[in-house]
């Protein structure tokens, strides 16, 4: 699997099944209609490596990939909205 940048107006969210911060952000994004593709880094080795590369070697989730190729680790809903609007 290669990691592709998401389409305009959407994000890719790298998660794990046990991550409380991931569940919270997904719930917030669902309630505001922000589209995302979820990728479980424990099931997808390429995604785990991508997240580690984006976070100084740490597999920290949630990590979001934006259409411009930038990433954010555990962002607030406000930050997600702001970066998608930019």
PDB file of N, CA and C in Angstrom:
ATOM      1  N   UNK A   1       0.848  -1.195   0.000  1.00  0.00           N
ATOM      2  CA  UNK A   1       0.000   0.000   0.000  1.00  0.00           C
ATOM      3  C   UNK A   1       0.881   1.241   0.000  1.00  0.00           C
ATOM      4  N   UNK A   2       0.601   2.147  -0.896  1.00  0.00           N
ATOM      5  CA  UNK A   2       1.268   3.438  -0.847  1.00  0.00           C
ATOM      6  C   UNK A   2       0.318   4.426  -0.187  1.00  0.00           C
ATOM      7  N   UNK A   3       0.890   5.441   0.401  1.00  0.00           N
ATOM      8  CA  UNK A   3       0.084   6.443   1.087  1.00  0.00           C
ATOM      9  C   UNK A   3      -0.152   7.595   0.116  1.00  0.00           C
ATOM     10  N   UNK A   4      -1.375   7.733  -0.343  1.00  0.00           N
ATOM     11  CA  UNK A   4      -1.737   8.801  -1.267  1.00  0.00           C
ATOM     12  C   UNK A   4      -2.331   9.966  -0.495  1.00  0.00           C
ATOM     13  N   UNK A   5      -2.082  11.173  -0.988  1.00  0.00           N
ATOM     14  CA  UNK A   5      -2.721  12.321  -0.358  1.00  0.00           C
ATOM     15  C   UNK A   5      -4.210  12.274  -0.659  1.00  0.00           C
ATOM     16  N   UNK A   6      -5.020  12.686   0.308  1.00  0.00           N
ATOM     17  CA  UNK A   6      -6.471  12.637   0.117  1.00  0.00           C
ATOM     18  C   UNK A   6      -6.961  13.711  -0.849  1.00  0.00           C
ATOM     19  N   UNK A   7      -8.172  13.516  -1.328  1.00  0.00           N
ATOM     20  CA  UNK A   7      -8.809  14.490  -2.214  1.00  0.00           C
ATOM     21  C   UNK A   7      -9.088  15.783  -1.448  1.00  0.00           C
ATOM     22  N   UNK A   8      -9.230  16.865  -2.191  1.00  0.00           N
ATOM     23  CA  UNK A   8      -9.559  18.155  -1.575  1.00  0.00           C
ATOM     24  C   UNK A   8     -10.792  18.014  -0.690  1.00  0.00           C
ATOM     25  N   UNK A   9     -10.747  18.637   0.489  1.00  0.00           N
ATOM     26  CA  UNK A   9     -11.890  18.633   1.395  1.00  0.00           C
ATOM     27  C   UNK A   9     -11.987  17.408   2.282  1.00  0.00           C
ATOM     28  N   UNK A  10     -11.041  16.480   2.147  1.00  0.00           N
ATOM     29  CA  UNK A  10     -11.042  15.283   2.985  1.00  0.00           C
ATOM     30  C   UNK A  10      -9.668  15.107   3.623  1.00  0.00           C
ATOM     31  N   UNK A  11      -9.586  14.192   4.580  1.00  0.00           N
ATOM     32  CA  UNK A  11      -8.310  13.853   5.206  1.00  0.00           C
ATOM     33  C   UNK A  11      -8.189  12.339   5.299  1.00  0.00           C
ATOM     34  N   UNK A  12      -6.969  11.885   5.484  1.00  0.00           N
ATOM     35  CA  UNK A  12      -6.735  10.498   5.849  1.00  0.00           C
ATOM     36  C   UNK A  12      -6.371  10.502   7.324  1.00  0.00           C
ATOM     37  N   UNK A  13      -7.066   9.700   8.114  1.00  0.00           N
ATOM     38  CA  UNK A  13      -6.812   9.632   9.548  1.00  0.00           C
ATOM     39  C   UNK A  13      -6.185   8.281   9.877  1.00  0.00           C
ATOM     40  N   UNK A  14      -4.981   8.328  10.420  1.00  0.00           N
ATOM     41  CA  UNK A  14      -4.285   7.123  10.841  1.00  0.00           C
ATOM     42  C   UNK A  14      -4.609   6.881  12.308  1.00  0.00           C
ATOM     43  N   UNK A  15      -5.084   5.672  12.614  1.00  0.00           N
ATOM     44  CA  UNK A  15      -5.619   5.365  13.935  1.00  0.00           C
ATOM     45  C   UNK A  15      -5.173   3.979  14.398  1.00  0.00           C
ATOM     46  N   UNK A  16      -5.621   3.634  15.616  1.00  0.00           N
ATOM     47  CA  UNK A  16      -5.623   2.256  16.110  1.00  0.00           C
ATOM     48  C   UNK A  16      -7.009   2.017  16.695  1.00  0.00           C
ATOM     49  N   UNK A  17      -7.360   0.768  16.894  1.00  0.00           N
ATOM     50  CA  UNK A  17      -8.696   0.458  17.419  1.00  0.00           C
ATOM     51  C   UNK A  17      -8.861   0.886  18.868  1.00  0.00           C
ATOM     52  N   UNK A  18      -7.774   0.965  19.611  1.00  0.00           N
ATOM     53  CA  UNK A  18      -7.847   1.244  21.045  1.00  0.00           C
ATOM     54  C   UNK A  18      -7.596   2.709  21.398  1.00  0.00           C
ATOM     55  N   UNK A  19      -7.404   3.562  20.423  1.00  0.00           N
ATOM     56  CA  UNK A  19      -7.043   4.966  20.659  1.00  0.00           C
ATOM     57  C   UNK A  19      -8.270   5.812  20.995  1.00  0.00           C
ATOM     58  N   UNK A  20      -8.353   6.265  22.228  1.00  0.00           N
ATOM     59  CA  UNK A  20      -9.461   7.114  22.658  1.00  0.00           C
ATOM     60  C   UNK A  20      -9.480   8.463  21.958  1.00  0.00           C
ATOM     61  N   UNK A  21      -8.308   9.052  21.735  1.00  0.00           N
ATOM     62  CA  UNK A  21      -8.234  10.337  21.037  1.00  0.00           C
ATOM     63  C   UNK A  21      -8.739  10.195  19.606  1.00  0.00           C
ATOM     64  N   UNK A  22      -8.449   9.045  18.991  1.00  0.00           N
ATOM     65  CA  UNK A  22      -8.922   8.783  17.628  1.00  0.00           C
ATOM     66  C   UNK A  22     -10.446   8.724  17.602  1.00  0.00           C
ATOM     67  N   UNK A  23     -11.018   7.973  18.533  1.00  0.00           N
ATOM     68  CA  UNK A  23     -12.476   7.839  18.588  1.00  0.00           C
ATOM     69  C   UNK A  23     -13.143   9.186  18.802  1.00  0.00           C
ATOM     70  N   UNK A  24     -12.563  10.002  19.670  1.00  0.00           N
ATOM     71  CA  UNK A  24     -13.126  11.323  19.947  1.00  0.00           C
ATOM     72  C   UNK A  24     -13.084  12.209  18.702  1.00  0.00           C
ATOM     73  N   UNK A  25     -11.943  12.248  18.020  1.00  0.00           N
ATOM     74  CA  UNK A  25     -11.835  13.089  16.826  1.00  0.00           C
ATOM     75  C   UNK A  25     -12.747  12.580  15.715  1.00  0.00           C
ATOM     76  N   UNK A  26     -12.845  11.260  15.545  1.00  0.00           N
ATOM     77  CA  UNK A  26     -13.756  10.707  14.532  1.00  0.00           C
ATOM     78  C   UNK A  26     -15.197  11.127  14.828  1.00  0.00           C
ATOM     79  N   UNK A  27     -15.599  11.057  16.080  1.00  0.00           N
ATOM     80  CA  UNK A  27     -16.958  11.446  16.465  1.00  0.00           C
ATOM     81  C   UNK A  27     -17.201  12.923  16.138  1.00  0.00           C
ATOM     82  N   UNK A  28     -16.230  13.777  16.461  1.00  0.00           N
ATOM     83  CA  UNK A  28     -16.367  15.209  16.182  1.00  0.00           C
ATOM     84  C   UNK A  28     -16.436  15.471  14.674  1.00  0.00           C
ATOM     85  N   UNK A  29     -15.592  14.797  13.922  1.00  0.00           N
ATOM     86  CA  UNK A  29     -15.591  14.999  12.474  1.00  0.00           C
ATOM     87  C   UNK A  29     -16.876  14.468  11.851  1.00  0.00           C
ATOM     88  N   UNK A  30     -17.364  13.335  12.338  1.00  0.00           N
ATOM     89  CA  UNK A  30     -18.642  12.800  11.851  1.00  0.00           C
ATOM     90  C   UNK A  30     -19.775  13.786  12.105  1.00  0.00           C
ATOM     91  N   UNK A  31     -19.775  14.407  13.285  1.00  0.00           N
ATOM     92  CA  UNK A  31     -20.879  15.305  13.645  1.00  0.00           C
ATOM     93  C   UNK A  31     -20.856  16.603  12.849  1.00  0.00           C
ATOM     94  N   UNK A  32     -19.700  16.961  12.298  1.00  0.00           N
ATOM     95  CA  UNK A  32     -19.611  18.193  11.509  1.00  0.00           C
ATOM     96  C   UNK A  32     -19.512  17.928  10.011  1.00  0.00           C
ATOM     97  N   UNK A  33     -19.567  16.655   9.616  1.00  0.00           N
ATOM     98  CA  UNK A  33     -19.595  16.321   8.195  1.00  0.00           C
ATOM     99  C   UNK A  33     -18.257  16.363   7.483  1.00  0.00           C
ATOM    100  N   UNK A  34     -17.157  16.297   8.228  1.00  0.00           N
ATOM    101  CA  UNK A  34     -15.841  16.272   7.587  1.00  0.00           C
ATOM    102  C   UNK A  34     -15.563  14.849   7.108  1.00  0.00           C
ATOM    103  N   UNK A  35     -15.264  14.716   5.830  1.00  0.00           N
ATOM    104  CA  UNK A  35     -15.001  13.399   5.243  1.00  0.00           C
ATOM    105  C   UNK A  35     -13.578  12.960   5.544  1.00  0.00           C
ATOM    106  N   UNK A  36     -13.428  11.681   5.831  1.00  0.00           N
ATOM    107  CA  UNK A  36     -12.100  11.135   6.080  1.00  0.00           C
ATOM    108  C   UNK A  36     -12.067   9.659   5.712  1.00  0.00           C
ATOM    109  N   UNK A  37     -10.859   9.203   5.449  1.00  0.00           N
ATOM    110  CA  UNK A  37     -10.593   7.786   5.259  1.00  0.00           C
ATOM    111  C   UNK A  37      -9.778   7.344   6.456  1.00  0.00           C
ATOM    112  N   UNK A  38     -10.214   6.288   7.120  1.00  0.00           N
ATOM    113  CA  UNK A  38      -9.513   5.792   8.303  1.00  0.00           C
ATOM    114  C   UNK A  38      -8.588   4.645   7.918  1.00  0.00           C
ATOM    115  N   UNK A  39      -7.352   4.701   8.425  1.00  0.00           N
ATOM    116  CA  UNK A  39      -6.376   3.644   8.186  1.00  0.00           C
ATOM    117  C   UNK A  39      -5.819   3.202   9.540  1.00  0.00           C
ATOM    118  N   UNK A  40      -6.010   1.932   9.884  1.00  0.00           N
ATOM    119  CA  UNK A  40      -5.507   1.361  11.136  1.00  0.00           C
ATOM    120  C   UNK A  40      -4.036   1.012  10.945  1.00  0.00           C
ATOM    121  N   UNK A  41      -3.155   1.690  11.681  1.00  0.00           N
ATOM    122  CA  UNK A  41      -1.721   1.468  11.482  1.00  0.00           C
ATOM    123  C   UNK A  41      -1.271   0.094  11.978  1.00  0.00           C
ATOM    124  N   UNK A  42      -2.063  -0.546  12.819  1.00  0.00           N
ATOM    125  CA  UNK A  42      -1.694  -1.887  13.280  1.00  0.00           C
ATOM    126  C   UNK A  42      -2.000  -2.954  12.228  1.00  0.00           C
ATOM    127  N   UNK A  43      -2.811  -2.610  11.255  1.00  0.00           N
ATOM    128  CA  UNK A  43      -3.157  -3.533  10.177  1.00  0.00           C
ATOM    129  C   UNK A  43      -2.446  -3.204   8.866  1.00  0.00           C
ATOM    130  N   UNK A  44      -1.798  -2.043   8.816  1.00  0.00           N
ATOM    131  CA  UNK A  44      -1.210  -1.561   7.565  1.00  0.00           C
ATOM    132  C   UNK A  44       0.227  -1.103   7.811  1.00  0.00           C
ATOM    133  N   UNK A  45       1.212  -1.980   7.581  1.00  0.00           N
ATOM    134  CA  UNK A  45       2.610  -1.635   7.877  1.00  0.00           C
ATOM    135  C   UNK A  45       3.104  -0.352   7.203  1.00  0.00           C
ATOM    136  N   UNK A  46       2.723  -0.112   5.945  1.00  0.00           N
ATOM    137  CA  UNK A  46       3.152   1.121   5.278  1.00  0.00           C
ATOM    138  C   UNK A  46       2.618   2.349   6.003  1.00  0.00           C
ATOM    139  N   UNK A  47       1.406   2.256   6.511  1.00  0.00           N
ATOM    140  CA  UNK A  47       0.813   3.373   7.244  1.00  0.00           C
ATOM    141  C   UNK A  47       1.537   3.588   8.565  1.00  0.00           C
ATOM    142  N   UNK A  48       1.895   2.505   9.237  1.00  0.00           N
ATOM    143  CA  UNK A  48       2.635   2.623  10.495  1.00  0.00           C
ATOM    144  C   UNK A  48       3.967   3.331  10.258  1.00  0.00           C
ATOM    145  N   UNK A  49       4.640   2.994   9.173  1.00  0.00           N
ATOM    146  CA  UNK A  49       5.913   3.638   8.856  1.00  0.00           C
ATOM    147  C   UNK A  49       5.708   5.104   8.495  1.00  0.00           C
ATOM    148  N   UNK A  50       4.646   5.403   7.744  1.00  0.00           N
ATOM    149  CA  UNK A  50       4.336   6.791   7.389  1.00  0.00           C
ATOM    150  C   UNK A  50       4.132   7.624   8.652  1.00  0.00           C
ATOM    151  N   UNK A  51       3.348   7.098   9.598  1.00  0.00           N
ATOM    152  CA  UNK A  51       3.072   7.815  10.847  1.00  0.00           C
ATOM    153  C   UNK A  51       4.360   8.000  11.646  1.00  0.00           C
ATOM    154  N   UNK A  52       5.182   6.977  11.719  1.00  0.00           N
ATOM    155  CA  UNK A  52       6.454   7.096  12.432  1.00  0.00           C
ATOM    156  C   UNK A  52       7.341   8.161  11.785  1.00  0.00           C
ATOM    157  N   UNK A  53       7.399   8.170  10.469  1.00  0.00           N
ATOM    158  CA  UNK A  53       8.202   9.172   9.759  1.00  0.00           C
ATOM    159  C   UNK A  53       7.681  10.585  10.017  1.00  0.00           C
ATOM    160  N   UNK A  54       6.368  10.735  10.114  1.00  0.00           N
ATOM    161  CA  UNK A  54       5.756  12.051  10.336  1.00  0.00           C
ATOM    162  C   UNK A  54       5.918  12.534  11.773  1.00  0.00           C
ATOM    163  N   UNK A  55       6.238  11.610  12.687  1.00  0.00           N
ATOM    164  CA  UNK A  55       6.268  11.941  14.114  1.00  0.00           C
ATOM    165  C   UNK A  55       7.608  11.614  14.772  1.00  0.00           C
ATOM    166  N   UNK A  56       8.691  11.853  14.058  1.00  0.00           N
ATOM    167  CA  UNK A  56      10.012  11.679  14.641  1.00  0.00           C
ATOM    168  C   UNK A  56      10.303  10.273  15.138  1.00  0.00           C
ATOM    169  N   UNK A  57       9.750   9.272  14.460  1.00  0.00           N
ATOM    170  CA  UNK A  57       9.986   7.885  14.824  1.00  0.00           C
ATOM    171  C   UNK A  57       8.921   7.275  15.713  1.00  0.00           C
ATOM    172  N   UNK A  58       7.988   8.085  16.187  1.00  0.00           N
ATOM    173  CA  UNK A  58       6.916   7.594  17.063  1.00  0.00           C
ATOM    174  C   UNK A  58       5.653   7.307  16.264  1.00  0.00           C
ATOM    175  N   UNK A  59       4.997   6.213  16.580  1.00  0.00           N
ATOM    176  CA  UNK A  59       3.734   5.871  15.919  1.00  0.00           C
ATOM    177  C   UNK A  59       2.584   6.472  16.728  1.00  0.00           C
ATOM    178  N   UNK A  60       2.481   7.798  16.672  1.00  0.00           N
ATOM    179  CA  UNK A  60       1.497   8.538  17.452  1.00  0.00           C
ATOM    180  C   UNK A  60       0.225   8.733  16.632  1.00  0.00           C
ATOM    181  N   UNK A  61      -0.908   8.377  17.227  1.00  0.00           N
ATOM    182  CA  UNK A  61      -2.204   8.535  16.566  1.00  0.00           C
ATOM    183  C   UNK A  61      -3.153   9.303  17.479  1.00  0.00           C
ATOM    184  N   UNK A  62      -4.125  10.005  16.916  1.00  0.00           N
ATOM    185  CA  UNK A  62      -4.377  10.122  15.489  1.00  0.00           C
ATOM    186  C   UNK A  62      -3.374  11.051  14.805  1.00  0.00           C
ATOM    187  N   UNK A  63      -2.942  10.636  13.645  1.00  0.00           N
ATOM    188  CA  UNK A  63      -2.173  11.491  12.745  1.00  0.00           C
ATOM    189  C   UNK A  63      -3.023  11.660  11.497  1.00  0.00           C
ATOM    190  N   UNK A  64      -3.199  12.914  11.076  1.00  0.00           N
ATOM    191  CA  UNK A  64      -4.005  13.205   9.893  1.00  0.00           C
ATOM    192  C   UNK A  64      -3.112  13.657   8.754  1.00  0.00           C
ATOM    193  N   UNK A  65      -3.446  13.205   7.557  1.00  0.00           N
ATOM    194  CA  UNK A  65      -2.791  13.633   6.325  1.00  0.00           C
ATOM    195  C   UNK A  65      -3.781  14.492   5.556  1.00  0.00           C
ATOM    196  N   UNK A  66      -3.344  15.701   5.192  1.00  0.00           N
ATOM    197  CA  UNK A  66      -4.203  16.655   4.501  1.00  0.00           C
ATOM    198  C   UNK A  66      -3.923  16.647   2.997  1.00  0.00           C
ATOM    199  N   UNK A  67      -4.842  17.203   2.204  1.00  0.00           N
ATOM    200  CA  UNK A  67      -4.669  17.207   0.747  1.00  0.00           C
ATOM    201  C   UNK A  67      -3.386  17.883   0.267  1.00  0.00           C
ATOM    202  N   UNK A  68      -2.855  18.825   1.042  1.00  0.00           N
ATOM    203  CA  UNK A  68      -1.616  19.501   0.630  1.00  0.00           C
ATOM    204  C   UNK A  68      -0.365  18.698   0.988  1.00  0.00           C
ATOM    205  N   UNK A  69      -0.563  17.503   1.588  1.00  0.00           N
ATOM    206  CA  UNK A  69       0.566  16.652   1.949  1.00  0.00           C
ATOM    207  C   UNK A  69       1.092  16.878   3.350  1.00  0.00           C
ATOM    208  N   UNK A  70       0.552  17.884   4.048  1.00  0.00           N
ATOM    209  CA  UNK A  70       0.985  18.141   5.419  1.00  0.00           C
ATOM    210  C   UNK A  70       0.295  17.170   6.380  1.00  0.00           C
ATOM    211  N   UNK A  71       0.837  17.063   7.586  1.00  0.00           N
ATOM    212  CA  UNK A  71       0.263  16.186   8.600  1.00  0.00           C
ATOM    213  C   UNK A  71       0.039  16.962   9.891  1.00  0.00           C
ATOM    214  N   UNK A  72      -0.813  16.418  10.744  1.00  0.00           N
ATOM    215  CA  UNK A  72      -1.031  16.955  12.087  1.00  0.00           C
ATOM    216  C   UNK A  72      -1.274  15.774  13.011  1.00  0.00           C
ATOM    217  N   UNK A  73      -0.691  15.844  14.194  1.00  0.00           N
ATOM    218  CA  UNK A  73      -0.839  14.777  15.171  1.00  0.00           C
ATOM    219  C   UNK A  73      -1.765  15.241  16.283  1.00  0.00           C
ATOM    220  N   UNK A  74      -2.819  14.463  16.509  1.00  0.00           N
ATOM    221  CA  UNK A  74      -3.839  14.749  17.519  1.00  0.00           C
ATOM    222  C   UNK A  74      -4.337  16.196  17.438  1.00  0.00           C
ATOM    223  N   UNK A  75      -4.763  16.630  16.252  1.00  0.00           N
ATOM    224  CA  UNK A  75      -5.226  18.010  16.112  1.00  0.00           C
ATOM    225  C   UNK A  75      -6.615  18.197  16.720  1.00  0.00           C
ATOM    226  N   UNK A  76      -6.917  19.434  17.044  1.00  0.00           N
ATOM    227  CA  UNK A  76      -8.276  19.764  17.478  1.00  0.00           C
ATOM    228  C   UNK A  76      -9.177  19.811  16.246  1.00  0.00           C
ATOM    229  N   UNK A  77     -10.481  19.733  16.472  1.00  0.00           N
ATOM    230  CA  UNK A  77     -11.429  19.853  15.370  1.00  0.00           C
ATOM    231  C   UNK A  77     -11.261  21.206  14.680  1.00  0.00           C
ATOM    232  N   UNK A  78     -11.032  22.253  15.466  1.00  0.00           N
ATOM    233  CA  UNK A  78     -10.821  23.582  14.904  1.00  0.00           C
ATOM    234  C   UNK A  78      -9.621  23.633  13.975  1.00  0.00           C
ATOM    235  N   UNK A  79      -8.538  22.955  14.353  1.00  0.00           N
ATOM    236  CA  UNK A  79      -7.352  22.929  13.499  1.00  0.00           C
ATOM    237  C   UNK A  79      -7.636  22.179  12.203  1.00  0.00           C
ATOM    238  N   UNK A  80      -8.373  21.078  12.294  1.00  0.00           N
ATOM    239  CA  UNK A  80      -8.721  20.318  11.089  1.00  0.00           C
ATOM    240  C   UNK A  80      -9.528  21.201  10.143  1.00  0.00           C
ATOM    241  N   UNK A  81     -10.545  21.868  10.669  1.00  0.00           N
ATOM    242  CA  UNK A  81     -11.381  22.750   9.840  1.00  0.00           C
ATOM    243  C   UNK A  81     -10.544  23.848   9.196  1.00  0.00           C
ATOM    244  N   UNK A  82      -9.670  24.470   9.981  1.00  0.00           N
ATOM    245  CA  UNK A  82      -8.848  25.570   9.486  1.00  0.00           C
ATOM    246  C   UNK A  82      -7.930  25.098   8.362  1.00  0.00           C
ATOM    247  N   UNK A  83      -7.306  23.946   8.544  1.00  0.00           N
ATOM    248  CA  UNK A  83      -6.366  23.454   7.533  1.00  0.00           C
ATOM    249  C   UNK A  83      -7.089  23.003   6.273  1.00  0.00           C
ATOM    250  N   UNK A  84      -8.301  22.487   6.400  1.00  0.00           N
ATOM    251  CA  UNK A  84      -9.067  22.106   5.213  1.00  0.00           C
ATOM    252  C   UNK A  84      -9.561  23.330   4.450  1.00  0.00           C
ATOM    253  N   UNK A  85      -9.784  24.431   5.154  1.00  0.00           N
ATOM    254  CA  UNK A  85     -10.280  25.653   4.520  1.00  0.00           C
ATOM    255  C   UNK A  85      -9.163  26.446   3.847  1.00  0.00           C
ATOM    256  N   UNK A  86      -7.925  26.156   4.202  1.00  0.00           N
ATOM    257  CA  UNK A  86      -6.778  26.936   3.682  1.00  0.00           C
ATOM    258  C   UNK A  86      -6.545  26.677   2.209  1.00  0.00           C
TER     259      UNK A  86
END
